Amino acid sequence: MEIIQNAVRIHDKVYRSTHVHDYVQFEDELGQIGHIDGGHEYIKKGGAWILDPIKHGVIDMSLQADSPTSDILNKLTWGTYGVTGTQGLVWRPIRDLDLPHLEAILRTQTKMHPLTIEVIQYWINHYKDMGNPVLSSLKDMLLVGR
């Protein structure tokens, strides 16, 4: 199955393995070391958090092509260097980006996975439809399940 994203989230920080042998280490809420590895080639996870992610404050953000639509819409991330492009790389869920940022991504980025484009377009439409309670509630229902 195609791996779309290999990542975990602790509080507001996302740790993402982006390519094969991209070993990413992190510290969980209990101060214990965990890791993810493999990018889009394989998913390898390690650390005490695997046995009890909630206790360790870790949210698994990994996605595959057959992941539920609600997971893809809520967990898919985008790497950003900030408004000026000079800050360090930070991975943020696409759903947390504001409308101008999402529109700028579609306008300026030409080499994206088709699923990423669909998710960005979904959130753009969601933000534009927020003034229409019928459309907004229909889209919110999609977040519950596939």
C-alpha atoms as a PDB file:
ATOM      1  CA  MET A   1       0.000   0.000   0.000  1.00  0.00           C
ATOM      2  CA  GLU A   2       1.278   3.473  -0.859  1.00  0.00           C
ATOM      3  CA  ILE A   3       2.569   5.417   2.139  1.00  0.00           C
ATOM      4  CA  ILE A   4       1.416   9.026   2.011  1.00  0.00           C
ATOM      5  CA  GLN A   5       2.943  10.244   5.261  1.00  0.00           C
ATOM      6  CA  ASN A   6       5.150   8.814   7.995  1.00  0.00           C
ATOM      7  CA  ALA A   7       4.788  11.083  11.034  1.00  0.00           C
ATOM      8  CA  VAL A   8       3.878  11.559  14.697  1.00  0.00           C
ATOM      9  CA  ARG A   9       2.615  14.585  16.618  1.00  0.00           C
ATOM     10  CA  ILE A  10       3.439  15.591  20.175  1.00  0.00           C
ATOM     11  CA  HIS A  11       1.485  18.643  21.329  1.00  0.00           C
ATOM     12  CA  ASP A  12       1.717  21.040  18.362  1.00  0.00           C
ATOM     13  CA  LYS A  13       4.987  19.673  16.960  1.00  0.00           C
ATOM     14  CA  VAL A  14       4.954  17.214  14.065  1.00  0.00           C
ATOM     15  CA  TYR A  15       7.920  14.946  13.408  1.00  0.00           C
ATOM     16  CA  ARG A  16       7.930  13.550   9.870  1.00  0.00           C
ATOM     17  CA  SER A  17      10.194  11.049   8.098  1.00  0.00           C
ATOM     18  CA  THR A  18      10.215  12.159   4.462  1.00  0.00           C
ATOM     19  CA  HIS A  19      12.515   9.721   2.656  1.00  0.00           C
ATOM     20  CA  VAL A  20      14.020   6.239   2.949  1.00  0.00           C
ATOM     21  CA  HIS A  21      16.423   5.895   5.918  1.00  0.00           C
ATOM     22  CA  ASP A  22      15.237   9.272   7.279  1.00  0.00           C
ATOM     23  CA  TYR A  23      15.539   8.368  10.975  1.00  0.00           C
ATOM     24  CA  VAL A  24      13.691  10.991  13.023  1.00  0.00           C
ATOM     25  CA  GLN A  25      14.082  10.944  16.792  1.00  0.00           C
ATOM     26  CA  PHE A  26      11.830  12.752  19.265  1.00  0.00           C
ATOM     27  CA  GLU A  27      11.130  13.026  22.976  1.00  0.00           C
ATOM     28  CA  ASP A  28       7.613  12.137  24.132  1.00  0.00           C
ATOM     29  CA  GLU A  29       5.662  13.812  26.966  1.00  0.00           C
ATOM     30  CA  LEU A  30       7.237  11.450  29.516  1.00  0.00           C
ATOM     31  CA  GLY A  31      10.737  12.397  28.402  1.00  0.00           C
ATOM     32  CA  GLN A  32      11.370   9.065  26.695  1.00  0.00           C
ATOM     33  CA  ILE A  33      12.995   8.825  23.276  1.00  0.00           C
ATOM     34  CA  GLY A  34      11.038   7.479  20.322  1.00  0.00           C
ATOM     35  CA  HIS A  35      11.655   7.383  16.595  1.00  0.00           C
ATOM     36  CA  ILE A  36      10.122   6.945  13.167  1.00  0.00           C
ATOM     37  CA  ASP A  37      11.937   5.964   9.988  1.00  0.00           C
ATOM     38  CA  GLY A  38      11.383   5.056   6.360  1.00  0.00           C
ATOM     39  CA  GLY A  39       9.748   8.033   4.708  1.00  0.00           C
ATOM     40  CA  HIS A  40       7.449   6.822   1.931  1.00  0.00           C
ATOM     41  CA  GLU A  41       9.252   3.486   1.500  1.00  0.00           C
ATOM     42  CA  TYR A  42       8.494   1.798   4.842  1.00  0.00           C
ATOM     43  CA  ILE A  43       7.168   2.733   8.279  1.00  0.00           C
ATOM     44  CA  LYS A  44       9.381   1.818  11.203  1.00  0.00           C
ATOM     45  CA  LYS A  45       8.537   3.023  14.708  1.00  0.00           C
ATOM     46  CA  GLY A  46      10.340   2.591  17.988  1.00  0.00           C
ATOM     47  CA  GLY A  47      10.072   3.586  21.616  1.00  0.00           C
ATOM     48  CA  ALA A  48       7.862   2.984  24.624  1.00  0.00           C
ATOM     49  CA  TRP A  49       5.148   5.216  23.108  1.00  0.00           C
ATOM     50  CA  ILE A  50       4.098   2.425  20.716  1.00  0.00           C
ATOM     51  CA  LEU A  51       2.585   0.405  23.580  1.00  0.00           C
ATOM     52  CA  ASP A  52       0.581   3.327  24.982  1.00  0.00           C
ATOM     53  CA  PRO A  53       0.600   6.396  22.702  1.00  0.00           C
ATOM     54  CA  ILE A  54      -1.990   8.276  24.777  1.00  0.00           C
ATOM     55  CA  LYS A  55       0.050   7.940  27.984  1.00  0.00           C
ATOM     56  CA  HIS A  56       3.127   9.220  26.136  1.00  0.00           C
ATOM     57  CA  GLY A  57       1.214  12.052  24.428  1.00  0.00           C
ATOM     58  CA  VAL A  58       1.986  10.818  20.921  1.00  0.00           C
ATOM     59  CA  ILE A  59      -0.490  10.930  18.025  1.00  0.00           C
ATOM     60  CA  ASP A  60       0.404   8.691  15.104  1.00  0.00           C
ATOM     61  CA  MET A  61      -0.034  10.832  11.980  1.00  0.00           C
ATOM     62  CA  SER A  62       1.055   8.146   9.503  1.00  0.00           C
ATOM     63  CA  LEU A  63      -1.200   7.781   6.474  1.00  0.00           C
ATOM     64  CA  GLN A  64      -1.561   5.256   3.673  1.00  0.00           C
ATOM     65  CA  ALA A  65      -3.596   5.483   0.478  1.00  0.00           C
ATOM     66  CA  ASP A  66      -6.367   3.398   2.071  1.00  0.00           C
ATOM     67  CA  SER A  67      -6.555   5.499   5.266  1.00  0.00           C
ATOM     68  CA  PRO A  68     -10.040   6.820   6.068  1.00  0.00           C
ATOM     69  CA  THR A  69     -10.841  10.125   4.373  1.00  0.00           C
ATOM     70  CA  SER A  70     -11.317  11.809   7.748  1.00  0.00           C
ATOM     71  CA  ASP A  71      -7.765  10.803   8.776  1.00  0.00           C
ATOM     72  CA  ILE A  72      -6.300  12.121   5.526  1.00  0.00           C
ATOM     73  CA  LEU A  73      -8.188  15.428   5.819  1.00  0.00           C
ATOM     74  CA  ASN A  74      -7.170  15.914   9.458  1.00  0.00           C
ATOM     75  CA  LYS A  75      -3.619  14.508   9.559  1.00  0.00           C
ATOM     76  CA  LEU A  76      -1.946  15.334   6.234  1.00  0.00           C
ATOM     77  CA  THR A  77       0.809  17.888   6.863  1.00  0.00           C
ATOM     78  CA  TRP A  78       2.589  20.612   4.930  1.00  0.00           C
ATOM     79  CA  GLY A  79       6.145  21.816   5.554  1.00  0.00           C
ATOM     80  CA  THR A  80       6.469  25.570   5.950  1.00  0.00           C
ATOM     81  CA  TYR A  81       9.347  27.981   6.485  1.00  0.00           C
ATOM     82  CA  GLY A  82       7.040  30.771   7.687  1.00  0.00           C
ATOM     83  CA  VAL A  83       5.694  33.835   5.913  1.00  0.00           C
ATOM     84  CA  THR A  84       9.141  35.216   5.089  1.00  0.00           C
ATOM     85  CA  GLY A  85      10.623  31.818   4.209  1.00  0.00           C
ATOM     86  CA  THR A  86      13.480  32.320   6.678  1.00  0.00           C
ATOM     87  CA  GLN A  87      12.257  30.329   9.678  1.00  0.00           C
ATOM     88  CA  GLY A  88      13.162  26.702  10.274  1.00  0.00           C
ATOM     89  CA  LEU A  89      11.060  23.990   8.638  1.00  0.00           C
ATOM     90  CA  VAL A  90       7.903  23.239  10.608  1.00  0.00           C
ATOM     91  CA  TRP A  91       5.362  20.557   9.659  1.00  0.00           C
ATOM     92  CA  ARG A  92       1.757  21.627  10.227  1.00  0.00           C
ATOM     93  CA  PRO A  93      -1.512  19.844   9.486  1.00  0.00           C
ATOM     94  CA  ILE A  94      -2.950  21.305   6.279  1.00  0.00           C
ATOM     95  CA  ARG A  95      -6.259  21.863   8.066  1.00  0.00           C
ATOM     96  CA  ASP A  96      -4.479  24.329  10.430  1.00  0.00           C
ATOM     97  CA  LEU A  97      -3.181  26.564   7.616  1.00  0.00           C
ATOM     98  CA  ASP A  98      -5.088  29.762   6.885  1.00  0.00           C
ATOM     99  CA  LEU A  99      -6.879  30.451   3.606  1.00  0.00           C
ATOM    100  CA  PRO A 100      -4.238  32.788   2.080  1.00  0.00           C
ATOM    101  CA  HIS A 101      -1.514  30.211   2.816  1.00  0.00           C
ATOM    102  CA  LEU A 102      -3.511  27.408   1.184  1.00  0.00           C
ATOM    103  CA  GLU A 103      -4.223  29.544  -1.890  1.00  0.00           C
ATOM    104  CA  ALA A 104      -0.523  30.508  -2.123  1.00  0.00           C
ATOM    105  CA  ILE A 105       0.489  26.838  -2.030  1.00  0.00           C
ATOM    106  CA  LEU A 106      -1.765  25.998  -4.975  1.00  0.00           C
ATOM    107  CA  ARG A 107      -0.586  29.077  -6.857  1.00  0.00           C
ATOM    108  CA  THR A 108       3.162  28.538  -6.358  1.00  0.00           C
ATOM    109  CA  GLN A 109       3.823  24.817  -5.913  1.00  0.00           C
ATOM    110  CA  THR A 110       3.756  22.740  -9.083  1.00  0.00           C
ATOM    111  CA  LYS A 111       5.029  19.333  -7.914  1.00  0.00           C
ATOM    112  CA  MET A 112       2.606  17.999  -5.338  1.00  0.00           C
ATOM    113  CA  HIS A 113       1.011  14.613  -4.833  1.00  0.00           C
ATOM    114  CA  PRO A 114      -2.537  14.704  -6.292  1.00  0.00           C
ATOM    115  CA  LEU A 115      -3.956  13.788  -2.886  1.00  0.00           C
ATOM    116  CA  THR A 116      -2.244  16.807  -1.306  1.00  0.00           C
ATOM    117  CA  ILE A 117      -3.864  19.038  -3.929  1.00  0.00           C
ATOM    118  CA  GLU A 118      -7.277  17.502  -3.180  1.00  0.00           C
ATOM    119  CA  VAL A 119      -6.866  18.049   0.571  1.00  0.00           C
ATOM    120  CA  ILE A 120      -5.785  21.668   0.081  1.00  0.00           C
ATOM    121  CA  GLN A 121      -8.741  22.284  -2.251  1.00  0.00           C
ATOM    122  CA  TYR A 122     -11.079  20.678   0.287  1.00  0.00           C
ATOM    123  CA  TRP A 123      -9.920  23.050   3.049  1.00  0.00           C
ATOM    124  CA  ILE A 124     -10.064  26.088   0.752  1.00  0.00           C
ATOM    125  CA  ASN A 125     -13.653  25.220  -0.104  1.00  0.00           C
ATOM    126  CA  HIS A 126     -14.410  24.533   3.560  1.00  0.00           C
ATOM    127  CA  TYR A 127     -13.154  27.973   4.607  1.00  0.00           C
ATOM    128  CA  LYS A 128     -15.061  29.673   1.794  1.00  0.00           C
ATOM    129  CA  ASP A 129     -18.255  27.760   2.661  1.00  0.00           C
ATOM    130  CA  MET A 130     -18.089  28.572   6.390  1.00  0.00           C
ATOM    131  CA  GLY A 131     -20.525  31.433   5.761  1.00  0.00           C
ATOM    132  CA  ASN A 132     -23.043  28.892   4.388  1.00  0.00           C
ATOM    133  CA  PRO A 133     -24.238  26.753   7.346  1.00  0.00           C
ATOM    134  CA  VAL A 134     -25.727  24.025   5.115  1.00  0.00           C
ATOM    135  CA  LEU A 135     -22.540  23.445   3.120  1.00  0.00           C
ATOM    136  CA  SER A 136     -20.388  23.781   6.229  1.00  0.00           C
ATOM    137  CA  SER A 137     -22.352  21.153   8.182  1.00  0.00           C
ATOM    138  CA  LEU A 138     -22.296  18.746   5.221  1.00  0.00           C
ATOM    139  CA  LYS A 139     -18.514  19.025   4.990  1.00  0.00           C
ATOM    140  CA  ASP A 140     -18.141  18.611   8.767  1.00  0.00           C
ATOM    141  CA  MET A 141     -20.061  15.343   8.485  1.00  0.00           C
ATOM    142  CA  LEU A 142     -17.365  14.085   6.094  1.00  0.00           C
ATOM    143  CA  LEU A 143     -14.801  14.453   8.869  1.00  0.00           C
ATOM    144  CA  VAL A 144     -16.597  11.804  10.924  1.00  0.00           C
ATOM    145  CA  GLY A 145     -15.940   8.968   8.480  1.00  0.00           C
ATOM    146  CA  ARG A 146     -15.258   7.959   4.961  1.00  0.00           C
END
